[in-house]
Amino acid sequence: MENQELPRRALNLSLAIYRVTAIFPQGEVLVGQLRELGNEIAGDLAEENFADVENKINRLKIYFAVAKAQNWVKPMNWSILDFEYYKLQREVVFGYRESTRIGNLANKHELDESENIMSHNIEQVKKPAVLKPVKPSHSGLSERQLKITEALGKSAAVKMSDLIPL
């Protein structure tokens, strides 16, 4: 991924988890689990390993719910983290599906090309369409339209005021 926005955002969210869990009681197991999972998500995004990120974010949200129930910090902190990870998850899932869709389209295109190869390796070349000039037929034109086309044929530039009396 040329854009390092997702790994950077995941790192910032991981650091936010560290700040929020610093308030937890000493020796709480949930602190380590939250921090480790946040770091894994950031690492997976940095390595462009998108396959497991969605499941890890779902697990992290469950940990957020458990931590919120413990009531050690304000619930608003967990709500913000939950929402930010939700947005990150949507972007990762959309990007992953889009990249695999593009990859599948490229593979399909390669297969289509291989099916078009003939045994004698001659490409079928289609002739480009040639537009033929159409001669205006004066049948069906009113007298005024005929006068206007005649005036246009005589000179390249015609003013609208010259056409009104016709």
Protein backbone atom coordinates (compact mmCIF):
# COMPACT_ATOMS: atom_id res chain seq x y z
CA MET A 1 0.00 0.00 0.00
CA GLU A 2 1.58 3.29 -1.05
CA ASN A 3 -0.42 5.15 1.53
CA GLN A 4 0.68 4.58 5.10
CA GLU A 5 -2.41 6.23 6.57
CA LEU A 6 -4.01 3.05 7.94
CA PRO A 7 -0.90 1.82 9.79
CA ARG A 8 -0.33 5.33 11.18
CA ARG A 9 -3.93 5.53 12.43
CA ALA A 10 -3.67 2.05 13.93
CA LEU A 11 -0.48 3.07 15.73
CA ASN A 12 -2.17 6.19 17.12
CA LEU A 13 -5.11 4.08 18.30
CA SER A 14 -2.72 1.60 19.89
CA LEU A 15 -1.04 4.46 21.75
CA ALA A 16 -4.48 5.66 22.88
CA ILE A 17 -5.12 2.18 24.30
CA TYR A 18 -1.84 2.48 26.24
CA ARG A 19 -2.92 5.86 27.66
CA VAL A 20 -6.36 4.62 28.69
CA THR A 21 -5.11 1.35 30.19
CA ALA A 22 -2.45 3.16 32.23
CA ILE A 23 -5.24 3.98 34.68
CA PHE A 24 -6.16 0.31 35.22
CA PRO A 25 -5.19 -1.45 38.45
CA GLN A 26 -1.68 -2.90 38.62
CA GLY A 27 -1.48 -6.49 37.34
CA GLU A 28 -4.80 -6.46 35.45
CA VAL A 29 -4.64 -9.09 32.69
CA LEU A 30 -6.98 -7.15 30.42
CA VAL A 31 -4.34 -4.40 30.09
CA GLY A 32 -1.90 -6.76 28.42
CA GLN A 33 -4.55 -8.26 26.17
CA LEU A 34 -5.79 -4.85 24.97
CA ARG A 35 -2.28 -3.55 24.35
CA GLU A 36 -1.10 -6.70 22.60
CA LEU A 37 -4.11 -6.83 20.29
CA GLY A 38 -3.79 -3.12 19.47
CA ASN A 39 -0.11 -3.64 18.61
CA GLU A 40 -0.91 -6.70 16.47
CA ILE A 41 -3.48 -4.72 14.47
CA ALA A 42 -1.00 -1.90 13.86
CA GLY A 43 1.69 -4.43 12.89
CA ASP A 44 -0.60 -6.32 10.52
CA LEU A 45 -1.57 -3.10 8.78
CA ALA A 46 2.07 -2.05 8.48
CA GLU A 47 2.88 -5.41 6.88
CA GLU A 48 -0.24 -5.17 4.69
CA ASN A 49 -1.61 -8.38 6.20
CA PHE A 50 -5.28 -7.41 5.96
CA ALA A 51 -6.79 -10.89 6.20
CA ASP A 52 -6.85 -11.15 10.02
CA VAL A 53 -7.34 -7.49 10.90
CA GLU A 54 -11.15 -7.62 10.81
CA ASN A 55 -11.27 -10.53 13.29
CA LYS A 56 -8.71 -8.89 15.57
CA ILE A 57 -10.68 -5.65 15.65
CA ASN A 58 -13.83 -7.64 16.52
CA ARG A 59 -11.94 -9.27 19.42
CA LEU A 60 -10.66 -5.87 20.52
CA LYS A 61 -14.23 -4.52 20.60
CA ILE A 62 -15.21 -7.37 22.91
CA TYR A 63 -12.30 -6.46 25.19
CA PHE A 64 -13.52 -2.85 25.12
CA ALA A 65 -16.96 -4.01 26.29
CA VAL A 66 -15.39 -5.98 29.15
CA ALA A 67 -13.22 -3.02 30.15
CA LYS A 68 -16.20 -0.68 29.96
CA ALA A 69 -18.12 -2.98 32.32
CA GLN A 70 -15.24 -2.80 34.84
CA ASN A 71 -15.85 0.97 35.07
CA TRP A 72 -12.20 1.84 35.78
CA VAL A 73 -12.22 4.72 33.29
CA LYS A 74 -14.95 6.87 31.79
CA PRO A 75 -17.15 4.96 29.33
CA MET A 76 -16.64 7.76 26.80
CA ASN A 77 -13.02 6.61 26.31
CA TRP A 78 -14.17 3.14 25.27
CA SER A 79 -16.90 4.54 23.04
CA ILE A 80 -14.39 6.72 21.20
CA LEU A 81 -11.90 3.87 20.79
CA ASP A 82 -14.68 1.52 19.69
CA PHE A 83 -15.89 4.00 17.05
CA GLU A 84 -12.39 4.75 15.75
CA TYR A 85 -11.58 1.05 15.43
CA TYR A 86 -14.94 0.55 13.69
CA LYS A 87 -14.00 3.20 11.10
CA LEU A 88 -10.56 1.61 10.68
CA GLN A 89 -12.16 -1.81 10.25
CA ARG A 90 -14.54 -0.54 7.54
CA GLU A 91 -11.66 1.04 5.63
CA VAL A 92 -9.53 -2.10 5.91
CA VAL A 93 -12.36 -4.41 4.83
CA PHE A 94 -13.29 -2.13 1.92
CA GLY A 95 -9.67 -1.76 0.84
CA TYR A 96 -8.99 -5.50 1.16
CA ARG A 97 -12.07 -6.45 -0.83
CA GLU A 98 -11.29 -3.81 -3.45
CA SER A 99 -7.69 -5.01 -3.81
CA THR A 100 -8.73 -8.66 -4.10
CA ARG A 101 -11.46 -7.69 -6.55
CA ILE A 102 -8.90 -5.85 -8.67
CA GLY A 103 -6.57 -8.84 -8.39
CA ASN A 104 -9.37 -11.17 -9.44
CA LEU A 105 -10.20 -8.91 -12.38
CA ALA A 106 -6.55 -8.92 -13.45
CA ASN A 107 -6.42 -12.71 -13.24
CA LYS A 108 -9.67 -12.96 -15.21
CA HIS A 109 -8.24 -10.61 -17.83
CA GLU A 110 -5.13 -12.79 -18.14
CA LEU A 111 -7.32 -15.87 -18.54
CA ASP A 112 -9.41 -14.13 -21.18
CA GLU A 113 -6.27 -13.20 -23.09
CA SER A 114 -4.99 -16.77 -22.97
CA GLU A 115 -8.33 -18.04 -24.32
CA ASN A 116 -8.05 -15.65 -27.27
CA ILE A 117 -4.68 -17.00 -28.38
CA MET A 118 -5.10 -18.98 -31.59
CA SER A 119 -2.99 -21.96 -32.52
CA HIS A 120 -1.36 -20.08 -35.38
CA ASN A 121 -0.72 -16.96 -33.23
CA ILE A 122 -2.48 -14.54 -35.52
CA GLU A 123 -4.28 -11.72 -33.88
CA GLN A 124 -7.58 -10.68 -35.28
CA VAL A 125 -7.34 -7.02 -36.12
CA LYS A 126 -10.57 -5.12 -36.41
CA LYS A 127 -10.69 -2.30 -38.89
CA PRO A 128 -11.42 1.07 -37.37
CA ALA A 129 -14.78 2.52 -38.22
CA VAL A 130 -14.57 5.16 -40.93
CA LEU A 131 -17.09 7.95 -40.90
CA LYS A 132 -18.30 8.89 -44.33
CA PRO A 133 -19.44 12.44 -44.96
CA VAL A 134 -23.15 12.70 -45.37
CA LYS A 135 -24.49 14.86 -48.15
CA PRO A 136 -27.45 16.87 -47.03
CA SER A 137 -30.60 16.00 -48.87
CA HIS A 138 -32.88 18.90 -49.43
CA SER A 139 -36.00 16.80 -49.46
CA GLY A 140 -38.22 17.45 -46.51
CA LEU A 141 -36.74 20.88 -45.74
CA SER A 142 -38.97 23.90 -45.57
CA GLU A 143 -38.43 26.92 -47.79
CA ARG A 144 -36.92 28.87 -44.87
CA GLN A 145 -34.51 26.03 -44.04
CA LEU A 146 -33.40 25.89 -47.68
CA LYS A 147 -32.72 29.65 -47.67
CA ILE A 148 -30.71 29.33 -44.43
CA THR A 149 -28.58 26.47 -45.79
CA GLU A 150 -28.04 28.46 -49.00
CA ALA A 151 -26.90 31.50 -46.97
CA LEU A 152 -24.55 29.32 -44.91
CA GLY A 153 -23.12 27.82 -48.09
CA LYS A 154 -22.34 31.25 -49.57
CA SER A 155 -20.40 32.61 -46.59
CA ALA A 156 -18.66 31.01 -43.63
CA ALA A 157 -19.82 33.59 -41.12
CA VAL A 158 -23.48 34.47 -40.90
CA LYS A 159 -25.06 36.75 -38.33
CA MET A 160 -28.29 35.83 -36.68
CA SER A 161 -29.73 39.19 -37.71
CA ASP A 162 -29.15 38.23 -41.36
CA LEU A 163 -31.17 35.04 -40.90
CA ILE A 164 -34.21 36.59 -39.21
CA PRO A 165 -35.76 38.12 -42.38
CA LEU A 166 -35.45 34.80 -44.24
